[in-house]
């Protein structure tokens, strides 16, 4: 009974953290990318695509941030499992988690924006890969917590 309550608490904490990360990054992305009033001297905009909505980049920021949080939880879970079992498979999952975490950190719109670059012209392809990755990481986290 106590083990089940601890598992439910862990699941609740993971879900609450993911929701908080998603909300915080969505608010940040919406306030950073959406500028209703242009500054007095703005740089010339890149060639525009009518199908390129700011929504795609806000969604990419939110989903990318949630993926980073999911990978952090998966990494911690796999470290815990590896310390108990010393399994080669779990070690492989650790390497997988670190590699994907580094990939998601470097591809995050927040990091791209921090280095002075912008995502432009990708349309819905800006966030679709991150959305598919989110589904896979959710399943992996679920299996790791079982």
Foldseek 3Di string as FASTA:
>chain_A
DVVVVVLVVVVVVLVVVLVVLLVVLLVVLCVVVDDPDDDPDDDDDDDADVLADSVLLSLQQSLLRSLLSLLVLLLVLLVVVCVVPVDPVSVVVNVVSVVVNVVSVCLHQVNCVVVPHHDHDCRNVSRPVSVVSSVVSVVSSVVSSD
